[in-house]
Amino acid sequence: MDILVNILHLVFLYLLFRSMILIFQKGISSEFKKENMKVDDNANLENSEMADETIKQDEHLMVEDQICNNFIDRRKAYIIVRNGKEHYFCSWQCRQKFILQNSHHVIS
């Protein structure tokens, strides 16, 4: 009978010890996750604000080259104004191609 009681005590202690370890591990991992979530949330908030600001800036600053279809900064683009419409180009070569392709419009 003493052996059975000792075995039950050992099983009880084993289960108690195992439960404490699991609770401790979950507690640490949840605290770690909470801290990381706070850091991630702050980083995501900053990144999303920066992305929104960048998109707003890009909407106004980026233009498409009609020859090579590249998007370029409007401030750095070569510009031709024809019939009141602005045409933007990434390089002098693209600008020249546009002029050659549309030279028949000027002549006629």
N, C-alpha and C. Protein backbone atom coordinates (compact mmCIF):
# COMPACT_ATOMS: atom_id res chain seq x y z
N MET A 1 0.81 -1.18 0.00
CA MET A 1 0.00 0.00 0.00
C MET A 1 0.87 1.26 0.00
N ASP A 2 1.98 1.23 0.74
CA ASP A 2 2.89 2.37 0.76
C ASP A 2 3.47 2.62 -0.62
N ILE A 3 3.70 1.57 -1.34
CA ILE A 3 4.27 1.71 -2.69
C ILE A 3 3.27 2.42 -3.59
N LEU A 4 2.01 2.06 -3.49
CA LEU A 4 0.97 2.69 -4.31
C LEU A 4 0.83 4.18 -3.97
N VAL A 5 0.90 4.52 -2.72
CA VAL A 5 0.82 5.92 -2.30
C VAL A 5 2.03 6.69 -2.81
N ASN A 6 3.19 6.09 -2.73
CA ASN A 6 4.40 6.73 -3.24
C ASN A 6 4.32 6.94 -4.75
N ILE A 7 3.81 5.98 -5.46
CA ILE A 7 3.66 6.10 -6.92
C ILE A 7 2.68 7.22 -7.24
N LEU A 8 1.56 7.27 -6.50
CA LEU A 8 0.58 8.33 -6.73
C LEU A 8 1.17 9.70 -6.41
N HIS A 9 1.97 9.80 -5.38
CA HIS A 9 2.64 11.06 -5.05
C HIS A 9 3.60 11.48 -6.17
N LEU A 10 4.32 10.52 -6.69
CA LEU A 10 5.25 10.82 -7.78
C LEU A 10 4.50 11.27 -9.03
N VAL A 11 3.42 10.58 -9.34
CA VAL A 11 2.62 10.96 -10.51
C VAL A 11 2.06 12.37 -10.31
N PHE A 12 1.53 12.62 -9.11
CA PHE A 12 0.99 13.94 -8.80
C PHE A 12 2.06 15.02 -8.92
N LEU A 13 3.22 14.78 -8.38
CA LEU A 13 4.31 15.75 -8.47
C LEU A 13 4.78 15.96 -9.91
N TYR A 14 4.83 14.85 -10.65
CA TYR A 14 5.20 14.95 -12.06
C TYR A 14 4.21 15.84 -12.81
N LEU A 15 2.91 15.58 -12.64
CA LEU A 15 1.88 16.36 -13.32
C LEU A 15 1.90 17.82 -12.88
N LEU A 16 2.08 18.04 -11.60
CA LEU A 16 2.15 19.40 -11.08
C LEU A 16 3.35 20.14 -11.66
N PHE A 17 4.48 19.50 -11.66
CA PHE A 17 5.71 20.10 -12.19
C PHE A 17 5.56 20.38 -13.69
N ARG A 18 5.01 19.42 -14.42
CA ARG A 18 4.80 19.57 -15.86
C ARG A 18 3.84 20.73 -16.15
N SER A 19 2.76 20.82 -15.38
CA SER A 19 1.80 21.91 -15.55
C SER A 19 2.45 23.27 -15.30
N MET A 20 3.26 23.34 -14.26
CA MET A 20 3.93 24.60 -13.94
C MET A 20 4.88 25.01 -15.06
N ILE A 21 5.57 24.05 -15.62
CA ILE A 21 6.48 24.35 -16.73
C ILE A 21 5.71 24.87 -17.92
N LEU A 22 4.59 24.22 -18.26
CA LEU A 22 3.78 24.65 -19.39
C LEU A 22 3.21 26.06 -19.17
N ILE A 23 2.72 26.31 -17.96
CA ILE A 23 2.19 27.64 -17.65
C ILE A 23 3.28 28.68 -17.74
N PHE A 24 4.44 28.38 -17.22
CA PHE A 24 5.56 29.31 -17.28
C PHE A 24 5.96 29.60 -18.72
N GLN A 25 6.03 28.54 -19.54
CA GLN A 25 6.40 28.73 -20.95
C GLN A 25 5.35 29.55 -21.69
N LYS A 26 4.10 29.28 -21.47
CA LYS A 26 3.03 30.05 -22.12
C LYS A 26 3.05 31.49 -21.65
N GLY A 27 3.30 31.69 -20.38
CA GLY A 27 3.36 33.06 -19.85
C GLY A 27 4.47 33.85 -20.48
N ILE A 28 5.62 33.26 -20.60
CA ILE A 28 6.76 33.95 -21.21
C ILE A 28 6.49 34.19 -22.69
N SER A 29 6.00 33.19 -23.37
CA SER A 29 5.78 33.36 -24.80
C SER A 29 4.67 34.38 -25.07
N SER A 30 3.63 34.41 -24.21
CA SER A 30 2.57 35.41 -24.43
C SER A 30 3.09 36.82 -24.14
N GLU A 31 3.92 36.96 -23.10
CA GLU A 31 4.51 38.28 -22.82
C GLU A 31 5.41 38.70 -23.97
N PHE A 32 6.18 37.76 -24.49
CA PHE A 32 7.06 38.05 -25.62
C PHE A 32 6.23 38.47 -26.83
N LYS A 33 5.14 37.74 -27.07
CA LYS A 33 4.27 38.07 -28.20
C LYS A 33 3.65 39.45 -28.01
N LYS A 34 3.21 39.76 -26.79
CA LYS A 34 2.61 41.07 -26.54
C LYS A 34 3.61 42.18 -26.82
N GLU A 35 4.84 42.01 -26.34
CA GLU A 35 5.86 43.03 -26.58
C GLU A 35 6.14 43.18 -28.06
N ASN A 36 6.25 42.04 -28.76
CA ASN A 36 6.50 42.10 -30.19
C ASN A 36 5.32 42.71 -30.93
N MET A 37 4.12 42.40 -30.48
CA MET A 37 2.95 42.97 -31.14
C MET A 37 2.93 44.48 -30.97
N LYS A 38 3.31 44.97 -29.78
CA LYS A 38 3.36 46.41 -29.57
C LYS A 38 4.38 47.04 -30.51
N VAL A 39 5.55 46.43 -30.58
CA VAL A 39 6.59 46.96 -31.46
C VAL A 39 6.14 46.86 -32.91
N ASP A 40 5.57 45.72 -33.30
CA ASP A 40 5.10 45.54 -34.67
C ASP A 40 3.98 46.51 -35.00
N ASP A 41 3.04 46.70 -34.06
CA ASP A 41 1.95 47.63 -34.30
C ASP A 41 2.47 49.04 -34.52
N ASN A 42 3.43 49.45 -33.69
CA ASN A 42 4.01 50.78 -33.86
C ASN A 42 4.73 50.89 -35.19
N ALA A 43 5.49 49.85 -35.54
CA ALA A 43 6.22 49.86 -36.81
C ALA A 43 5.24 49.86 -37.97
N ASN A 44 4.18 49.03 -37.88
CA ASN A 44 3.19 48.98 -38.94
C ASN A 44 2.47 50.32 -39.09
N LEU A 45 2.16 50.95 -37.96
CA LEU A 45 1.51 52.24 -38.01
C LEU A 45 2.40 53.27 -38.68
N GLU A 46 3.67 53.29 -38.29
CA GLU A 46 4.61 54.23 -38.91
C GLU A 46 4.77 53.92 -40.39
N ASN A 47 4.90 52.63 -40.73
CA ASN A 47 5.05 52.25 -42.13
C ASN A 47 3.82 52.60 -42.94
N SER A 48 2.63 52.37 -42.39
CA SER A 48 1.41 52.67 -43.14
C SER A 48 1.26 54.17 -43.32
N GLU A 49 1.63 54.96 -42.29
CA GLU A 49 1.57 56.42 -42.43
C GLU A 49 2.56 56.89 -43.48
N MET A 50 3.76 56.30 -43.47
CA MET A 50 4.75 56.67 -44.46
C MET A 50 4.29 56.26 -45.85
N ALA A 51 3.69 55.08 -45.96
CA ALA A 51 3.21 54.60 -47.25
C ALA A 51 2.10 55.51 -47.78
N ASP A 52 1.17 55.91 -46.90
CA ASP A 52 0.10 56.82 -47.31
C ASP A 52 0.67 58.14 -47.81
N GLU A 53 1.66 58.65 -47.07
CA GLU A 53 2.28 59.91 -47.45
C GLU A 53 3.01 59.76 -48.78
N THR A 54 3.70 58.64 -48.96
CA THR A 54 4.43 58.39 -50.20
C THR A 54 3.48 58.28 -51.37
N ILE A 55 2.36 57.59 -51.16
CA ILE A 55 1.38 57.44 -52.24
C ILE A 55 0.84 58.81 -52.62
N LYS A 56 0.54 59.64 -51.62
CA LYS A 56 0.03 60.97 -51.91
C LYS A 56 1.06 61.77 -52.70
N GLN A 57 2.32 61.66 -52.30
CA GLN A 57 3.37 62.37 -53.02
C GLN A 57 3.53 61.81 -54.43
N ASP A 58 3.52 60.48 -54.54
CA ASP A 58 3.73 59.84 -55.83
C ASP A 58 2.60 60.14 -56.81
N GLU A 59 1.38 60.31 -56.30
CA GLU A 59 0.28 60.62 -57.19
C GLU A 59 0.54 61.92 -57.93
N HIS A 60 1.20 62.85 -57.27
CA HIS A 60 1.44 64.15 -57.86
C HIS A 60 2.79 64.23 -58.58
N LEU A 61 3.73 63.39 -58.21
CA LEU A 61 5.08 63.54 -58.72
C LEU A 61 5.47 62.55 -59.80
N MET A 62 4.80 61.41 -59.87
CA MET A 62 5.18 60.39 -60.83
C MET A 62 4.36 60.54 -62.11
N VAL A 63 5.05 60.48 -63.22
CA VAL A 63 4.40 60.55 -64.53
C VAL A 63 4.93 59.41 -65.39
N GLU A 64 4.18 59.10 -66.45
CA GLU A 64 4.56 57.97 -67.31
C GLU A 64 5.16 58.49 -68.61
N ASP A 65 6.27 57.89 -68.97
CA ASP A 65 6.90 58.16 -70.26
C ASP A 65 6.07 57.44 -71.32
N GLN A 66 5.63 58.19 -72.35
CA GLN A 66 4.76 57.60 -73.38
C GLN A 66 5.50 56.67 -74.33
N ILE A 67 6.80 56.79 -74.38
CA ILE A 67 7.57 55.96 -75.30
C ILE A 67 7.94 54.61 -74.68
N CYS A 68 8.56 54.63 -73.51
CA CYS A 68 9.02 53.38 -72.88
C CYS A 68 8.14 52.93 -71.71
N ASN A 69 7.10 53.70 -71.40
CA ASN A 69 6.13 53.38 -70.33
C ASN A 69 6.75 53.29 -68.94
N ASN A 70 7.90 53.91 -68.73
CA ASN A 70 8.49 53.99 -67.40
C ASN A 70 7.83 55.10 -66.61
N PHE A 71 7.74 54.92 -65.30
CA PHE A 71 7.26 55.99 -64.43
C PHE A 71 8.47 56.73 -63.89
N ILE A 72 8.38 58.04 -63.95
CA ILE A 72 9.51 58.88 -63.55
C ILE A 72 8.99 60.04 -62.69
N ASP A 73 9.91 60.62 -61.95
CA ASP A 73 9.60 61.80 -61.15
C ASP A 73 9.31 62.96 -62.09
N ARG A 74 8.18 63.60 -61.89
CA ARG A 74 7.76 64.68 -62.77
C ARG A 74 8.80 65.81 -62.81
N ARG A 75 9.46 66.05 -61.68
CA ARG A 75 10.44 67.13 -61.62
C ARG A 75 11.69 66.83 -62.44
N LYS A 76 11.94 65.54 -62.73
CA LYS A 76 13.15 65.16 -63.46
C LYS A 76 12.86 64.82 -64.93
N ALA A 77 11.61 64.92 -65.32
CA ALA A 77 11.21 64.49 -66.66
C ALA A 77 11.49 65.59 -67.70
N TYR A 78 11.72 65.13 -68.92
CA TYR A 78 11.76 66.04 -70.06
C TYR A 78 10.31 66.23 -70.49
N ILE A 79 9.94 67.48 -70.78
CA ILE A 79 8.54 67.78 -71.05
C ILE A 79 8.40 68.47 -72.41
N ILE A 80 7.38 68.03 -73.14
CA ILE A 80 6.98 68.72 -74.37
C ILE A 80 5.50 69.05 -74.19
N VAL A 81 5.13 70.27 -74.52
CA VAL A 81 3.72 70.67 -74.46
C VAL A 81 3.22 70.81 -75.89
N ARG A 82 2.21 70.00 -76.19
CA ARG A 82 1.60 70.04 -77.52
C ARG A 82 0.10 70.16 -77.36
N ASN A 83 -0.47 71.13 -78.03
CA ASN A 83 -1.92 71.36 -77.98
C ASN A 83 -2.41 71.46 -76.54
N GLY A 84 -1.62 72.09 -75.69
CA GLY A 84 -2.01 72.29 -74.31
C GLY A 84 -1.84 71.07 -73.42
N LYS A 85 -1.34 69.96 -73.97
CA LYS A 85 -1.14 68.74 -73.18
C LYS A 85 0.35 68.52 -72.96
N GLU A 86 0.69 68.19 -71.71
CA GLU A 86 2.09 67.94 -71.37
C GLU A 86 2.42 66.47 -71.63
N HIS A 87 3.54 66.23 -72.27
CA HIS A 87 4.06 64.88 -72.52
C HIS A 87 5.39 64.77 -71.79
N TYR A 88 5.53 63.70 -70.99
CA TYR A 88 6.70 63.52 -70.13
C TYR A 88 7.57 62.39 -70.65
N PHE A 89 8.90 62.56 -70.50
CA PHE A 89 9.85 61.56 -70.99
C PHE A 89 10.97 61.36 -69.98
N CYS A 90 11.44 60.11 -69.88
CA CYS A 90 12.49 59.78 -68.92
C CYS A 90 13.87 60.18 -69.43
N SER A 91 14.01 60.27 -70.75
CA SER A 91 15.33 60.59 -71.30
C SER A 91 15.17 61.45 -72.55
N TRP A 92 16.28 62.02 -72.94
CA TRP A 92 16.29 62.83 -74.15
C TRP A 92 16.00 61.96 -75.36
N GLN A 93 16.46 60.72 -75.33
CA GLN A 93 16.21 59.81 -76.46
C GLN A 93 14.72 59.51 -76.62
N CYS A 94 14.02 59.28 -75.50
CA CYS A 94 12.58 59.04 -75.58
C CYS A 94 11.86 60.29 -76.10
N ARG A 95 12.31 61.44 -75.69
CA ARG A 95 11.74 62.70 -76.16
C ARG A 95 11.93 62.82 -77.67
N GLN A 96 13.12 62.51 -78.14
CA GLN A 96 13.40 62.59 -79.57
C GLN A 96 12.56 61.59 -80.37
N LYS A 97 12.39 60.38 -79.85
CA LYS A 97 11.54 59.38 -80.51
C LYS A 97 10.11 59.89 -80.64
N PHE A 98 9.61 60.50 -79.57
CA PHE A 98 8.26 61.06 -79.60
C PHE A 98 8.15 62.14 -80.68
N ILE A 99 9.16 62.99 -80.75
CA ILE A 99 9.14 64.06 -81.74
C ILE A 99 9.13 63.47 -83.14
N LEU A 100 9.98 62.45 -83.38
CA LEU A 100 10.03 61.82 -84.70
C LEU A 100 8.72 61.11 -85.04
N GLN A 101 8.14 60.41 -84.06
CA GLN A 101 6.90 59.68 -84.31
C GLN A 101 5.74 60.63 -84.57
N ASN A 102 5.78 61.80 -83.99
CA ASN A 102 4.67 62.73 -84.12
C ASN A 102 4.99 63.92 -85.03
N SER A 103 6.07 63.81 -85.80
CA SER A 103 6.46 64.92 -86.66
C SER A 103 5.46 65.12 -87.80
N HIS A 104 4.74 64.09 -88.19
CA HIS A 104 3.77 64.25 -89.28
C HIS A 104 2.58 65.11 -88.83
N HIS A 105 2.32 65.16 -87.51
CA HIS A 105 1.25 66.01 -87.01
C HIS A 105 1.61 67.49 -87.14
N VAL A 106 2.90 67.79 -87.00
CA VAL A 106 3.35 69.18 -87.08
C VAL A 106 3.33 69.64 -88.53
N ILE A 107 3.74 68.76 -89.46
CA ILE A 107 3.84 69.11 -90.87
C ILE A 107 2.46 69.30 -91.49
N SER A 108 1.54 68.42 -91.17
CA SER A 108 0.23 68.50 -91.81
C SER A 108 -0.68 69.53 -91.21
